[in-house]
Amino acid sequence: MADEPPDNSKPKTYATNEEMIAVAKVSRDTLYKWVRDKMLPRPKITSSDGRGTRSLWPLEALERARFIVERRAEFHTMEEIKEMVLERWPPPPKPPRARQGD
């Protein structure tokens, strides 16, 4: 149809702080606490057109934030939720450390 804009946009590969806050209904500080607690993946920090820095969250972070919000609504403690998150999204294995002298 002539009224529809052309669909030349790329599929999204990240979420912004604003999207994460809207989904989780928490502050940015809380999001970063969840990162420190290993419940959310770390966002990529980029510079943004002279307006400071931007956090670009992997889309998996949105899924995890929704999961956390749903568990909170079920009255689970944050410690229980952390266990559930780590069970569902285990951390990647650490690469082997290089031995000295190699």
C-alpha atoms as a PDB file:
ATOM      1  CA  MET A   1       0.000   0.000   0.000  1.00  0.00           C
ATOM      2  CA  ALA A   2       1.202   3.513  -0.729  1.00  0.00           C
ATOM      3  CA  ASP A   3       0.602   4.734   2.851  1.00  0.00           C
ATOM      4  CA  GLU A   4       2.925   2.193   4.473  1.00  0.00           C
ATOM      5  CA  PRO A   5       6.586   3.142   4.977  1.00  0.00           C
ATOM      6  CA  PRO A   6       9.133   0.928   3.236  1.00  0.00           C
ATOM      7  CA  ASP A   7      10.424  -1.863   5.446  1.00  0.00           C
ATOM      8  CA  ASN A   8      14.150  -1.266   5.080  1.00  0.00           C
ATOM      9  CA  SER A   9      14.944  -1.398   8.789  1.00  0.00           C
ATOM     10  CA  LYS A  10      17.293  -4.019  10.155  1.00  0.00           C
ATOM     11  CA  PRO A  11      16.057  -6.424  12.809  1.00  0.00           C
ATOM     12  CA  LYS A  12      16.903  -5.209  16.303  1.00  0.00           C
ATOM     13  CA  THR A  13      19.857  -6.845  17.947  1.00  0.00           C
ATOM     14  CA  TYR A  14      19.891  -4.883  21.210  1.00  0.00           C
ATOM     15  CA  ALA A  15      17.685  -3.100  23.746  1.00  0.00           C
ATOM     16  CA  THR A  16      18.235   0.348  25.221  1.00  0.00           C
ATOM     17  CA  ASN A  17      18.215   1.316  28.892  1.00  0.00           C
ATOM     18  CA  GLU A  18      14.796   2.849  28.332  1.00  0.00           C
ATOM     19  CA  GLU A  19      13.402  -0.421  26.946  1.00  0.00           C
ATOM     20  CA  MET A  20      14.932  -2.410  29.804  1.00  0.00           C
ATOM     21  CA  ILE A  21      13.496  -0.014  32.400  1.00  0.00           C
ATOM     22  CA  ALA A  22      10.056  -0.181  30.748  1.00  0.00           C
ATOM     23  CA  VAL A  23      10.065  -3.997  30.772  1.00  0.00           C
ATOM     24  CA  ALA A  24      11.488  -4.467  34.272  1.00  0.00           C
ATOM     25  CA  LYS A  25       9.806  -1.420  35.841  1.00  0.00           C
ATOM     26  CA  VAL A  26      12.936  -0.740  37.883  1.00  0.00           C
ATOM     27  CA  SER A  27      15.611   1.945  37.900  1.00  0.00           C
ATOM     28  CA  ARG A  28      18.782   1.856  35.858  1.00  0.00           C
ATOM     29  CA  ASP A  29      20.696   1.359  39.119  1.00  0.00           C
ATOM     30  CA  THR A  30      18.674  -1.794  39.788  1.00  0.00           C
ATOM     31  CA  LEU A  31      19.449  -3.113  36.299  1.00  0.00           C
ATOM     32  CA  TYR A  32      23.161  -2.687  36.977  1.00  0.00           C
ATOM     33  CA  LYS A  33      22.784  -4.354  40.383  1.00  0.00           C
ATOM     34  CA  TRP A  34      21.265  -7.324  38.542  1.00  0.00           C
ATOM     35  CA  VAL A  35      24.322  -7.287  36.262  1.00  0.00           C
ATOM     36  CA  ARG A  36      26.645  -7.339  39.297  1.00  0.00           C
ATOM     37  CA  ASP A  37      24.570 -10.207  40.737  1.00  0.00           C
ATOM     38  CA  LYS A  38      25.028 -12.120  37.437  1.00  0.00           C
ATOM     39  CA  MET A  39      21.286 -12.100  36.706  1.00  0.00           C
ATOM     40  CA  LEU A  40      21.624  -9.953  33.554  1.00  0.00           C
ATOM     41  CA  PRO A  41      24.341  -9.936  30.917  1.00  0.00           C
ATOM     42  CA  ARG A  42      26.542  -6.852  30.818  1.00  0.00           C
ATOM     43  CA  PRO A  43      25.456  -4.261  28.231  1.00  0.00           C
ATOM     44  CA  LYS A  44      27.789  -2.909  25.591  1.00  0.00           C
ATOM     45  CA  ILE A  45      28.609   0.739  26.329  1.00  0.00           C
ATOM     46  CA  THR A  46      28.897   3.007  23.277  1.00  0.00           C
ATOM     47  CA  SER A  47      29.233   6.725  22.648  1.00  0.00           C
ATOM     48  CA  SER A  48      26.135   8.389  21.281  1.00  0.00           C
ATOM     49  CA  ASP A  49      26.167  11.372  18.911  1.00  0.00           C
ATOM     50  CA  GLY A  50      27.677  13.730  21.486  1.00  0.00           C
ATOM     51  CA  ARG A  51      24.948  12.968  24.017  1.00  0.00           C
ATOM     52  CA  GLY A  52      27.097  10.858  26.318  1.00  0.00           C
ATOM     53  CA  THR A  53      27.174   7.103  26.435  1.00  0.00           C
ATOM     54  CA  ARG A  54      24.502   4.532  25.674  1.00  0.00           C
ATOM     55  CA  SER A  55      24.015   1.057  27.032  1.00  0.00           C
ATOM     56  CA  LEU A  56      23.092  -1.529  24.406  1.00  0.00           C
ATOM     57  CA  TRP A  57      21.698  -4.626  26.070  1.00  0.00           C
ATOM     58  CA  PRO A  58      21.666  -7.995  24.265  1.00  0.00           C
ATOM     59  CA  LEU A  59      18.091  -9.051  23.508  1.00  0.00           C
ATOM     60  CA  GLU A  60      18.531 -11.933  25.933  1.00  0.00           C
ATOM     61  CA  ALA A  61      18.622  -9.289  28.689  1.00  0.00           C
ATOM     62  CA  LEU A  62      15.010  -8.353  27.874  1.00  0.00           C
ATOM     63  CA  GLU A  63      13.977 -11.997  28.205  1.00  0.00           C
ATOM     64  CA  ARG A  64      15.812 -12.295  31.516  1.00  0.00           C
ATOM     65  CA  ALA A  65      14.292  -9.041  32.822  1.00  0.00           C
ATOM     66  CA  ARG A  66      10.798 -10.323  31.971  1.00  0.00           C
ATOM     67  CA  PHE A  67      11.611 -13.587  33.753  1.00  0.00           C
ATOM     68  CA  ILE A  68      12.811 -11.720  36.854  1.00  0.00           C
ATOM     69  CA  VAL A  69       9.701  -9.506  36.896  1.00  0.00           C
ATOM     70  CA  GLU A  70       7.428 -12.563  36.575  1.00  0.00           C
ATOM     71  CA  ARG A  71       9.184 -14.342  39.447  1.00  0.00           C
ATOM     72  CA  ARG A  72       8.979 -11.212  41.622  1.00  0.00           C
ATOM     73  CA  ALA A  73       5.230 -11.096  40.943  1.00  0.00           C
ATOM     74  CA  GLU A  74       5.078 -14.677  42.247  1.00  0.00           C
ATOM     75  CA  PHE A  75       6.706 -13.423  45.506  1.00  0.00           C
ATOM     76  CA  HIS A  76      10.010 -15.262  45.104  1.00  0.00           C
ATOM     77  CA  THR A  77      12.967 -13.753  46.946  1.00  0.00           C
ATOM     78  CA  MET A  78      15.754 -12.213  44.897  1.00  0.00           C
ATOM     79  CA  GLU A  79      18.083 -14.989  46.065  1.00  0.00           C
ATOM     80  CA  GLU A  80      15.610 -17.601  44.752  1.00  0.00           C
ATOM     81  CA  ILE A  81      15.258 -15.673  41.494  1.00  0.00           C
ATOM     82  CA  LYS A  82      19.035 -15.491  41.110  1.00  0.00           C
ATOM     83  CA  GLU A  83      19.245 -19.285  41.472  1.00  0.00           C
ATOM     84  CA  MET A  84      16.488 -19.713  38.862  1.00  0.00           C
ATOM     85  CA  VAL A  85      18.203 -17.298  36.449  1.00  0.00           C
ATOM     86  CA  LEU A  86      21.562 -19.033  36.801  1.00  0.00           C
ATOM     87  CA  GLU A  87      19.928 -22.418  36.282  1.00  0.00           C
ATOM     88  CA  ARG A  88      18.092 -21.245  33.170  1.00  0.00           C
ATOM     89  CA  TRP A  89      20.995 -19.166  31.763  1.00  0.00           C
ATOM     90  CA  PRO A  90      24.198 -20.691  33.135  1.00  0.00           C
ATOM     91  CA  PRO A  91      27.287 -18.517  32.814  1.00  0.00           C
ATOM     92  CA  PRO A  92      29.556 -19.378  29.898  1.00  0.00           C
ATOM     93  CA  PRO A  93      32.554 -21.517  30.814  1.00  0.00           C
ATOM     94  CA  LYS A  94      35.692 -19.563  31.574  1.00  0.00           C
ATOM     95  CA  PRO A  95      38.421 -19.915  28.956  1.00  0.00           C
ATOM     96  CA  PRO A  96      41.447 -21.860  30.137  1.00  0.00           C
ATOM     97  CA  ARG A  97      44.168 -19.683  31.571  1.00  0.00           C
ATOM     98  CA  ALA A  98      47.434 -19.572  29.704  1.00  0.00           C
ATOM     99  CA  ARG A  99      50.195 -21.201  31.667  1.00  0.00           C
ATOM    100  CA  GLN A 100      53.292 -19.185  32.337  1.00  0.00           C
ATOM    101  CA  GLY A 101      56.147 -20.118  30.073  1.00  0.00           C
ATOM    102  CA  ASP A 102      53.918 -21.090  27.118  1.00  0.00           C
END
